Amino acid sequence: MARVCTINNYGVFRDGVAVSPADSDLAVPCSAVYVGTQGTLVVSTFDGTTVTLANAFGLIPLACLQIRTTGTTAQNIVALY
């Protein structure tokens, strides 16, 4: 299955869904992540790389397949599409 991650013609995100960290793929890969409560955010990117962002907060413009449970302390996470 092809993984598609796009922003609409207006250059903004179309939707956002609150997510809980899980060591499995999101239902739909996200274009970016918003972190409401600062902490460590661990994600898996499209090529399978695990990225750890210390002190993540606010808009993180990083497309990802997973918001990992292992290592994530950030809270109030929203996947943006």
PDB file of N, CA and C in Angstrom:
ATOM      1  N   MET A   1       0.833  -1.168   0.000  1.00  0.00           N
ATOM      2  CA  MET A   1       0.000   0.000   0.000  1.00  0.00           C
ATOM      3  C   MET A   1       0.886   1.243   0.000  1.00  0.00           C
ATOM      4  N   ALA A   2       0.589   2.170  -0.885  1.00  0.00           N
ATOM      5  CA  ALA A   2       1.337   3.424  -0.952  1.00  0.00           C
ATOM      6  C   ALA A   2       0.947   4.311   0.226  1.00  0.00           C
ATOM      7  N   ARG A   3       1.913   4.957   0.802  1.00  0.00           N
ATOM      8  CA  ARG A   3       1.638   5.870   1.901  1.00  0.00           C
ATOM      9  C   ARG A   3       1.667   7.282   1.341  1.00  0.00           C
ATOM     10  N   VAL A   4       0.583   7.998   1.548  1.00  0.00           N
ATOM     11  CA  VAL A   4       0.448   9.333   0.984  1.00  0.00           C
ATOM     12  C   VAL A   4       0.312  10.338   2.108  1.00  0.00           C
ATOM     13  N   CYS A   5       1.034  11.420   1.998  1.00  0.00           N
ATOM     14  CA  CYS A   5       1.014  12.464   3.000  1.00  0.00           C
ATOM     15  C   CYS A   5       1.003  13.792   2.254  1.00  0.00           C
ATOM     16  N   THR A   6      -0.103  14.498   2.264  1.00  0.00           N
ATOM     17  CA  THR A   6      -0.203  15.732   1.492  1.00  0.00           C
ATOM     18  C   THR A   6      -0.844  16.834   2.318  1.00  0.00           C
ATOM     19  N   ILE A   7      -0.612  18.053   1.867  1.00  0.00           N
ATOM     20  CA  ILE A   7      -1.292  19.226   2.409  1.00  0.00           C
ATOM     21  C   ILE A   7      -2.168  19.744   1.283  1.00  0.00           C
ATOM     22  N   ASN A   8      -3.357  20.249   1.597  1.00  0.00           N
ATOM     23  CA  ASN A   8      -4.278  20.686   0.551  1.00  0.00           C
ATOM     24  C   ASN A   8      -3.750  21.895  -0.216  1.00  0.00           C
ATOM     25  N   ASN A   9      -4.505  22.349  -1.199  1.00  0.00           N
ATOM     26  CA  ASN A   9      -4.073  23.444  -2.075  1.00  0.00           C
ATOM     27  C   ASN A   9      -3.851  24.767  -1.348  1.00  0.00           C
ATOM     28  N   TYR A  10      -4.394  24.901  -0.164  1.00  0.00           N
ATOM     29  CA  TYR A  10      -4.231  26.135   0.597  1.00  0.00           C
ATOM     30  C   TYR A  10      -2.980  26.127   1.469  1.00  0.00           C
ATOM     31  N   GLY A  11      -2.258  25.023   1.482  1.00  0.00           N
ATOM     32  CA  GLY A  11      -1.033  24.922   2.266  1.00  0.00           C
ATOM     33  C   GLY A  11      -1.262  24.792   3.759  1.00  0.00           C
ATOM     34  N   VAL A  12      -2.453  24.343   4.125  1.00  0.00           N
ATOM     35  CA  VAL A  12      -2.771  24.160   5.539  1.00  0.00           C
ATOM     36  C   VAL A  12      -3.216  22.714   5.770  1.00  0.00           C
ATOM     37  N   PHE A  13      -3.251  22.324   7.011  1.00  0.00           N
ATOM     38  CA  PHE A  13      -3.713  20.971   7.329  1.00  0.00           C
ATOM     39  C   PHE A  13      -5.225  20.927   7.246  1.00  0.00           C
ATOM     40  N   ARG A  14      -5.747  19.801   6.799  1.00  0.00           N
ATOM     41  CA  ARG A  14      -7.187  19.641   6.617  1.00  0.00           C
ATOM     42  C   ARG A  14      -7.886  19.147   7.864  1.00  0.00           C
ATOM     43  N   ASP A  15      -7.160  18.432   8.726  1.00  0.00           N
ATOM     44  CA  ASP A  15      -7.812  17.781   9.855  1.00  0.00           C
ATOM     45  C   ASP A  15      -6.786  17.497  10.946  1.00  0.00           C
ATOM     46  N   GLY A  16      -7.268  17.238  12.122  1.00  0.00           N
ATOM     47  CA  GLY A  16      -6.419  16.857  13.236  1.00  0.00           C
ATOM     48  C   GLY A  16      -7.149  15.865  14.108  1.00  0.00           C
ATOM     49  N   VAL A  17      -6.420  14.899  14.629  1.00  0.00           N
ATOM     50  CA  VAL A  17      -7.009  13.868  15.470  1.00  0.00           C
ATOM     51  C   VAL A  17      -6.115  13.663  16.687  1.00  0.00           C
ATOM     52  N   ALA A  18      -6.706  13.733  17.863  1.00  0.00           N
ATOM     53  CA  ALA A  18      -5.949  13.444  19.087  1.00  0.00           C
ATOM     54  C   ALA A  18      -5.519  11.983  19.049  1.00  0.00           C
ATOM     55  N   VAL A  19      -4.263  11.738  19.367  1.00  0.00           N
ATOM     56  CA  VAL A  19      -3.750  10.371  19.342  1.00  0.00           C
ATOM     57  C   VAL A  19      -3.046  10.048  20.660  1.00  0.00           C
ATOM     58  N   SER A  20      -3.104   8.795  21.006  1.00  0.00           N
ATOM     59  CA  SER A  20      -2.336   8.278  22.136  1.00  0.00           C
ATOM     60  C   SER A  20      -1.155   7.513  21.565  1.00  0.00           C
ATOM     61  N   PRO A  21       0.015   7.657  22.165  1.00  0.00           N
ATOM     62  CA  PRO A  21       1.171   6.907  21.666  1.00  0.00           C
ATOM     63  C   PRO A  21       0.879   5.400  21.626  1.00  0.00           C
ATOM     64  N   ALA A  22       1.344   4.761  20.568  1.00  0.00           N
ATOM     65  CA  ALA A  22       1.198   3.309  20.403  1.00  0.00           C
ATOM     66  C   ALA A  22       2.330   2.838  19.502  1.00  0.00           C
ATOM     67  N   ASP A  23       2.852   1.683  19.777  1.00  0.00           N
ATOM     68  CA  ASP A  23       3.945   1.163  18.956  1.00  0.00           C
ATOM     69  C   ASP A  23       3.395   0.430  17.733  1.00  0.00           C
ATOM     70  N   SER A  24       2.428   1.081  17.059  1.00  0.00           N
ATOM     71  CA  SER A  24       1.857   0.557  15.819  1.00  0.00           C
ATOM     72  C   SER A  24       1.534   1.748  14.921  1.00  0.00           C
ATOM     73  N   ASP A  25       1.330   1.482  13.639  1.00  0.00           N
ATOM     74  CA  ASP A  25       1.090   2.558  12.683  1.00  0.00           C
ATOM     75  C   ASP A  25      -0.194   3.316  13.001  1.00  0.00           C
ATOM     76  N   LEU A  26      -0.167   4.621  12.728  1.00  0.00           N
ATOM     77  CA  LEU A  26      -1.387   5.419  12.796  1.00  0.00           C
ATOM     78  C   LEU A  26      -2.352   4.906  11.731  1.00  0.00           C
ATOM     79  N   ALA A  27      -3.642   5.139  11.892  1.00  0.00           N
ATOM     80  CA  ALA A  27      -4.629   4.710  10.897  1.00  0.00           C
ATOM     81  C   ALA A  27      -4.311   5.332   9.542  1.00  0.00           C
ATOM     82  N   VAL A  28      -3.868   6.587   9.558  1.00  0.00           N
ATOM     83  CA  VAL A  28      -3.449   7.308   8.355  1.00  0.00           C
ATOM     84  C   VAL A  28      -2.150   8.027   8.715  1.00  0.00           C
ATOM     85  N   PRO A  29      -1.108   7.909   7.890  1.00  0.00           N
ATOM     86  CA  PRO A  29       0.136   8.635   8.177  1.00  0.00           C
ATOM     87  C   PRO A  29      -0.140  10.138   8.291  1.00  0.00           C
ATOM     88  N   CYS A  30       0.487  10.797   9.243  1.00  0.00           N
ATOM     89  CA  CYS A  30       0.223  12.223   9.433  1.00  0.00           C
ATOM     90  C   CYS A  30       1.298  13.088   8.773  1.00  0.00           C
ATOM     91  N   SER A  31       0.899  14.322   8.482  1.00  0.00           N
ATOM     92  CA  SER A  31       1.795  15.291   7.852  1.00  0.00           C
ATOM     93  C   SER A  31       2.637  16.039   8.877  1.00  0.00           C
ATOM     94  N   ALA A  32       2.110  16.155  10.095  1.00  0.00           N
ATOM     95  CA  ALA A  32       2.793  16.859  11.173  1.00  0.00           C
ATOM     96  C   ALA A  32       2.141  16.449  12.483  1.00  0.00           C
ATOM     97  N   VAL A  33       2.768  16.876  13.578  1.00  0.00           N
ATOM     98  CA  VAL A  33       2.262  16.554  14.917  1.00  0.00           C
ATOM     99  C   VAL A  33       2.244  17.841  15.729  1.00  0.00           C
ATOM    100  N   TYR A  34       1.193  18.004  16.521  1.00  0.00           N
ATOM    101  CA  TYR A  34       1.148  19.099  17.485  1.00  0.00           C
ATOM    102  C   TYR A  34       1.258  18.485  18.874  1.00  0.00           C
ATOM    103  N   VAL A  35       2.155  19.029  19.692  1.00  0.00           N
ATOM    104  CA  VAL A  35       2.349  18.556  21.066  1.00  0.00           C
ATOM    105  C   VAL A  35       1.882  19.668  22.000  1.00  0.00           C
ATOM    106  N   GLY A  36       0.869  19.371  22.824  1.00  0.00           N
ATOM    107  CA  GLY A  36       0.307  20.365  23.725  1.00  0.00           C
ATOM    108  C   GLY A  36       1.015  20.459  25.058  1.00  0.00           C
ATOM    109  N   THR A  37       1.574  19.348  25.526  1.00  0.00           N
ATOM    110  CA  THR A  37       2.300  19.332  26.796  1.00  0.00           C
ATOM    111  C   THR A  37       3.718  18.845  26.533  1.00  0.00           C
ATOM    112  N   GLN A  38       4.669  19.709  26.781  1.00  0.00           N
ATOM    113  CA  GLN A  38       6.075  19.449  26.451  1.00  0.00           C
ATOM    114  C   GLN A  38       6.591  18.164  27.051  1.00  0.00           C
ATOM    115  N   GLY A  39       7.427  17.481  26.270  1.00  0.00           N
ATOM    116  CA  GLY A  39       8.072  16.259  26.721  1.00  0.00           C
ATOM    117  C   GLY A  39       8.827  15.636  25.567  1.00  0.00           C
ATOM    118  N   THR A  40       9.318  14.448  25.766  1.00  0.00           N
ATOM    119  CA  THR A  40      10.014  13.734  24.709  1.00  0.00           C
ATOM    120  C   THR A  40       8.991  13.101  23.779  1.00  0.00           C
ATOM    121  N   LEU A  41       9.207  13.257  22.476  1.00  0.00           N
ATOM    122  CA  LEU A  41       8.330  12.672  21.462  1.00  0.00           C
ATOM    123  C   LEU A  41       9.167  11.728  20.621  1.00  0.00           C
ATOM    124  N   VAL A  42       8.729  10.474  20.537  1.00  0.00           N
ATOM    125  CA  VAL A  42       9.433   9.471  19.728  1.00  0.00           C
ATOM    126  C   VAL A  42       8.486   9.047  18.618  1.00  0.00           C
ATOM    127  N   VAL A  43       8.940   9.210  17.364  1.00  0.00           N
ATOM    128  CA  VAL A  43       8.118   8.868  16.201  1.00  0.00           C
ATOM    129  C   VAL A  43       8.893   7.963  15.250  1.00  0.00           C
ATOM    130  N   SER A  44       8.139   7.275  14.391  1.00  0.00           N
ATOM    131  CA  SER A  44       8.738   6.524  13.285  1.00  0.00           C
ATOM    132  C   SER A  44       8.353   7.232  12.003  1.00  0.00           C
ATOM    133  N   THR A  45       9.349   7.508  11.166  1.00  0.00           N
ATOM    134  CA  THR A  45       9.107   8.229   9.920  1.00  0.00           C
ATOM    135  C   THR A  45       8.768   7.250   8.793  1.00  0.00           C
ATOM    136  N   PHE A  46       8.508   7.807   7.608  1.00  0.00           N
ATOM    137  CA  PHE A  46       8.101   7.003   6.463  1.00  0.00           C
ATOM    138  C   PHE A  46       9.120   5.934   6.086  1.00  0.00           C
ATOM    139  N   ASP A  47      10.398   6.199   6.288  1.00  0.00           N
ATOM    140  CA  ASP A  47      11.408   5.202   5.906  1.00  0.00           C
ATOM    141  C   ASP A  47      11.753   4.247   7.051  1.00  0.00           C
ATOM    142  N   GLY A  48      10.999   4.350   8.158  1.00  0.00           N
ATOM    143  CA  GLY A  48      11.210   3.435   9.274  1.00  0.00           C
ATOM    144  C   GLY A  48      12.197   3.921  10.315  1.00  0.00           C
ATOM    145  N   THR A  49      12.741   5.107  10.128  1.00  0.00           N
ATOM    146  CA  THR A  49      13.685   5.672  11.084  1.00  0.00           C
ATOM    147  C   THR A  49      12.948   6.110  12.342  1.00  0.00           C
ATOM    148  N   THR A  50      13.506   5.798  13.491  1.00  0.00           N
ATOM    149  CA  THR A  50      12.961   6.280  14.759  1.00  0.00           C
ATOM    150  C   THR A  50      13.647   7.588  15.101  1.00  0.00           C
ATOM    151  N   VAL A  51      12.845   8.617  15.350  1.00  0.00           N
ATOM    152  CA  VAL A  51      13.363   9.949  15.671  1.00  0.00           C
ATOM    153  C   VAL A  51      12.890  10.317  17.073  1.00  0.00           C
ATOM    154  N   THR A  52      13.836  10.734  17.906  1.00  0.00           N
ATOM    155  CA  THR A  52      13.522  11.173  19.265  1.00  0.00           C
ATOM    156  C   THR A  52      13.718  12.672  19.350  1.00  0.00           C
ATOM    157  N   LEU A  53      12.653  13.376  19.753  1.00  0.00           N
ATOM    158  CA  LEU A  53      12.693  14.835  19.889  1.00  0.00           C
ATOM    159  C   LEU A  53      12.552  15.182  21.365  1.00  0.00           C
ATOM    160  N   ALA A  54      13.647  15.638  21.971  1.00  0.00           N
ATOM    161  CA  ALA A  54      13.624  16.019  23.381  1.00  0.00           C
ATOM    162  C   ALA A  54      12.948  17.378  23.521  1.00  0.00           C
ATOM    163  N   ASN A  55      12.179  17.553  24.563  1.00  0.00           N
ATOM    164  CA  ASN A  55      11.508  18.831  24.853  1.00  0.00           C
ATOM    165  C   ASN A  55      10.613  19.291  23.710  1.00  0.00           C
ATOM    166  N   ALA A  56       9.946  18.354  23.049  1.00  0.00           N
ATOM    167  CA  ALA A  56       9.047  18.699  21.945  1.00  0.00           C
ATOM    168  C   ALA A  56       7.841  19.465  22.485  1.00  0.00           C
ATOM    169  N   PHE A  57       7.444  20.503  21.744  1.00  0.00           N
ATOM    170  CA  PHE A  57       6.281  21.299  22.114  1.00  0.00           C
ATOM    171  C   PHE A  57       5.825  22.074  20.891  1.00  0.00           C
ATOM    172  N   GLY A  58       4.527  22.197  20.713  1.00  0.00           N
ATOM    173  CA  GLY A  58       3.985  22.973  19.604  1.00  0.00           C
ATOM    174  C   GLY A  58       3.945  22.159  18.325  1.00  0.00           C
ATOM    175  N   LEU A  59       4.022  22.855  17.194  1.00  0.00           N
ATOM    176  CA  LEU A  59       3.921  22.221  15.882  1.00  0.00           C
ATOM    177  C   LEU A  59       5.250  21.582  15.483  1.00  0.00           C
ATOM    178  N   ILE A  60       5.197  20.303  15.167  1.00  0.00           N
ATOM    179  CA  ILE A  60       6.371  19.553  14.712  1.00  0.00           C
ATOM    180  C   ILE A  60       6.089  19.148  13.262  1.00  0.00           C
ATOM    181  N   PRO A  61       6.678  19.836  12.282  1.00  0.00           N
ATOM    182  CA  PRO A  61       6.389  19.537  10.871  1.00  0.00           C
ATOM    183  C   PRO A  61       7.181  18.328  10.365  1.00  0.00           C
ATOM    184  N   LEU A  62       6.829  17.156  10.883  1.00  0.00           N
ATOM    185  CA  LEU A  62       7.522  15.925  10.546  1.00  0.00           C
ATOM    186  C   LEU A  62       6.484  14.857  10.240  1.00  0.00           C
ATOM    187  N   ALA A  63       6.451  14.406   8.997  1.00  0.00           N
ATOM    188  CA  ALA A  63       5.513  13.348   8.607  1.00  0.00           C
ATOM    189  C   ALA A  63       5.931  12.057   9.289  1.00  0.00           C
ATOM    190  N   CYS A  64       4.958  11.320   9.819  1.00  0.00           N
ATOM    191  CA  CYS A  64       5.310  10.086  10.509  1.00  0.00           C
ATOM    192  C   CYS A  64       4.219   9.034  10.419  1.00  0.00           C
ATOM    193  N   LEU A  65       4.657   7.806  10.643  1.00  0.00           N
ATOM    194  CA  LEU A  65       3.769   6.645  10.632  1.00  0.00           C
ATOM    195  C   LEU A  65       3.332   6.245  12.023  1.00  0.00           C
ATOM    196  N   GLN A  66       4.181   6.509  13.014  1.00  0.00           N
ATOM    197  CA  GLN A  66       3.887   6.094  14.385  1.00  0.00           C
ATOM    198  C   GLN A  66       4.256   7.190  15.376  1.00  0.00           C
ATOM    199  N   ILE A  67       3.457   7.288  16.424  1.00  0.00           N
ATOM    200  CA  ILE A  67       3.820   8.039  17.626  1.00  0.00           C
ATOM    201  C   ILE A  67       4.109   6.943  18.646  1.00  0.00           C
ATOM    202  N   ARG A  68       5.366   6.728  18.930  1.00  0.00           N
ATOM    203  CA  ARG A  68       5.784   5.562  19.717  1.00  0.00           C
ATOM    204  C   ARG A  68       5.488   5.732  21.205  1.00  0.00           C
ATOM    205  N   THR A  69       5.058   4.650  21.825  1.00  0.00           N
ATOM    206  CA  THR A  69       4.852   4.632  23.273  1.00  0.00           C
ATOM    207  C   THR A  69       6.191   4.660  23.997  1.00  0.00           C
ATOM    208  N   THR A  70       7.101   3.827  23.530  1.00  0.00           N
ATOM    209  CA  THR A  70       8.402   3.687  24.160  1.00  0.00           C
ATOM    210  C   THR A  70       9.189   4.991  24.047  1.00  0.00           C
ATOM    211  N   GLY A  71       9.423   5.630  25.175  1.00  0.00           N
ATOM    212  CA  GLY A  71      10.221   6.847  25.208  1.00  0.00           C
ATOM    213  C   GLY A  71       9.436   8.140  25.139  1.00  0.00           C
ATOM    214  N   THR A  72       8.167   8.099  24.753  1.00  0.00           N
ATOM    215  CA  THR A  72       7.373   9.329  24.640  1.00  0.00           C
ATOM    216  C   THR A  72       6.819   9.729  26.000  1.00  0.00           C
ATOM    217  N   THR A  73       7.131  10.968  26.396  1.00  0.00           N
ATOM    218  CA  THR A  73       6.563  11.534  27.630  1.00  0.00           C
ATOM    219  C   THR A  73       5.674  12.728  27.323  1.00  0.00           C
ATOM    220  N   ALA A  74       5.741  13.257  26.106  1.00  0.00           N
ATOM    221  CA  ALA A  74       4.884  14.365  25.697  1.00  0.00           C
ATOM    222  C   ALA A  74       3.426  13.938  25.778  1.00  0.00           C
ATOM    223  N   GLN A  75       2.539  14.906  25.994  1.00  0.00           N
ATOM    224  CA  GLN A  75       1.112  14.610  26.117  1.00  0.00           C
ATOM    225  C   GLN A  75       0.297  15.578  25.277  1.00  0.00           C
ATOM    226  N   ASN A  76      -1.004  15.296  25.187  1.00  0.00           N
ATOM    227  CA  ASN A  76      -1.925  16.116  24.384  1.00  0.00           C
ATOM    228  C   ASN A  76      -1.421  16.232  22.958  1.00  0.00           C
ATOM    229  N   ILE A  77      -1.235  15.070  22.334  1.00  0.00           N
ATOM    230  CA  ILE A  77      -0.655  14.970  20.988  1.00  0.00           C
ATOM    231  C   ILE A  77      -1.778  14.917  19.956  1.00  0.00           C
ATOM    232  N   VAL A  78      -1.631  15.715  18.910  1.00  0.00           N
ATOM    233  CA  VAL A  78      -2.607  15.739  17.818  1.00  0.00           C
ATOM    234  C   VAL A  78      -1.865  15.445  16.511  1.00  0.00           C
ATOM    235  N   ALA A  79      -2.336  14.431  15.784  1.00  0.00           N
ATOM    236  CA  ALA A  79      -1.809  14.136  14.455  1.00  0.00           C
ATOM    237  C   ALA A  79      -2.537  15.046  13.472  1.00  0.00           C
ATOM    238  N   LEU A  80      -1.786  15.734  12.624  1.00  0.00           N
ATOM    239  CA  LEU A  80      -2.368  16.674  11.656  1.00  0.00           C
ATOM    240  C   LEU A  80      -2.294  16.106  10.258  1.00  0.00           C
ATOM    241  N   TYR A  81      -3.379  16.284   9.523  1.00  0.00           N
ATOM    242  CA  TYR A  81      -3.510  15.739   8.169  1.00  0.00           C
ATOM    243  C   TYR A  81      -3.829  16.823   7.177  1.00  0.00           C
TER     244      TYR A  81
END
